Amino acid sequence: MASAEWYAGLPALTVPYTVIAGTRGPTVRLSPFGREPNDGLIAVHETRVRDGDEVLTFPVLHTYIMDDARVRAVIRGLLTPSGPKA
């Protein structure tokens, strides 16, 4: 899965999506990510599906993204219908 060719072979998404990434990982010179924002496992730039994707970032580690109240609020907002249908 770390192969750029493998990702390039995937079909394009045809549904709306939101990219969420953590930024609480180390950003020191000697870390595997250097000074790039990351969640301790994945760099923010690696989360984009397409060039130009907007990434929502939160100061959490990879393991705890799903438990973060701010992330959950964003997801609930995306999944909640925008009001009653006429």
Protein backbone atom coordinates (compact mmCIF):
# COMPACT_ATOMS: atom_id res chain seq x y z
CA MET A 1 0.00 0.00 0.00
CA ALA A 2 2.96 2.34 0.30
CA SER A 3 3.46 2.19 -3.46
CA ALA A 4 2.52 5.25 -5.50
CA GLU A 5 1.73 2.94 -8.43
CA TRP A 6 -0.76 0.97 -6.31
CA TYR A 7 -2.61 4.14 -5.34
CA ALA A 8 -2.55 5.41 -8.93
CA GLY A 9 -4.32 2.21 -10.01
CA LEU A 10 -7.32 2.78 -7.74
CA PRO A 11 -10.49 4.08 -9.37
CA ALA A 12 -11.40 7.71 -8.74
CA LEU A 13 -13.90 8.39 -5.96
CA THR A 14 -17.37 9.24 -7.22
CA VAL A 15 -18.89 10.18 -3.87
CA PRO A 16 -18.34 13.22 -1.64
CA TYR A 17 -15.66 12.75 1.01
CA THR A 18 -13.88 14.66 3.74
CA VAL A 19 -10.23 14.17 4.66
CA ILE A 20 -9.38 14.43 8.38
CA ALA A 21 -5.81 14.24 9.65
CA GLY A 22 -4.02 14.53 12.97
CA THR A 23 -1.07 16.82 13.63
CA ARG A 24 0.10 15.78 17.10
CA GLY A 25 3.02 13.64 15.90
CA PRO A 26 6.66 14.63 16.29
CA THR A 27 7.94 17.42 14.06
CA VAL A 28 11.59 17.47 15.00
CA ARG A 29 14.43 17.23 12.56
CA LEU A 30 15.22 13.59 13.38
CA SER A 31 11.66 12.24 13.17
CA PRO A 32 10.70 10.20 10.08
CA PHE A 33 8.46 13.12 9.05
CA GLY A 34 11.01 15.85 9.64
CA ARG A 35 9.13 19.06 10.37
CA GLU A 36 6.06 18.05 8.36
CA PRO A 37 2.73 17.87 10.23
CA ASN A 38 1.76 14.27 11.01
CA ASP A 39 -0.23 12.16 13.45
CA GLY A 40 2.67 9.91 14.42
CA LEU A 41 1.85 7.39 11.68
CA ILE A 42 0.82 9.34 8.56
CA ALA A 43 1.94 12.72 7.26
CA VAL A 44 -0.84 15.20 6.47
CA HIS A 45 0.19 15.31 2.79
CA GLU A 46 -0.33 11.53 2.57
CA THR A 47 -4.01 11.85 3.49
CA ARG A 48 -5.06 13.65 0.32
CA VAL A 49 -7.01 11.58 -2.18
CA ARG A 50 -6.58 14.11 -4.99
CA ASP A 51 -4.21 17.02 -5.43
CA GLY A 52 -5.89 20.10 -4.04
CA ASP A 53 -7.99 18.28 -1.44
CA GLU A 54 -8.68 20.36 1.64
CA VAL A 55 -7.61 18.49 4.75
CA LEU A 56 -9.25 19.18 8.11
CA THR A 57 -6.51 18.91 10.72
CA PHE A 58 -6.78 18.39 14.45
CA PRO A 59 -4.02 18.26 17.09
CA VAL A 60 -4.39 14.53 17.86
CA LEU A 61 -2.36 11.35 17.41
CA HIS A 62 -3.45 8.77 14.83
CA THR A 63 -4.85 6.31 17.38
CA TYR A 64 -7.06 8.92 19.03
CA ILE A 65 -8.53 10.75 16.00
CA MET A 66 -11.79 8.78 16.26
CA ASP A 67 -12.14 9.61 19.97
CA ASP A 68 -11.55 13.36 19.68
CA ALA A 69 -14.70 15.36 20.46
CA ARG A 70 -13.90 17.98 17.79
CA VAL A 71 -13.48 15.32 15.09
CA ARG A 72 -16.69 13.60 16.13
CA ALA A 73 -18.56 16.90 15.98
CA VAL A 74 -17.35 17.48 12.41
CA ILE A 75 -18.39 13.97 11.38
CA ARG A 76 -21.81 14.34 13.03
CA GLY A 77 -22.28 17.62 11.18
CA LEU A 78 -21.43 15.96 7.87
CA LEU A 79 -23.82 13.08 8.49
CA THR A 80 -26.74 15.07 9.87
CA PRO A 81 -29.38 16.04 7.33
CA SER A 82 -29.62 19.80 6.90
CA GLY A 83 -33.19 20.04 8.05
CA PRO A 84 -36.64 18.62 7.47
CA LYS A 85 -37.70 17.76 3.95
CA ALA A 86 -40.88 19.40 2.60
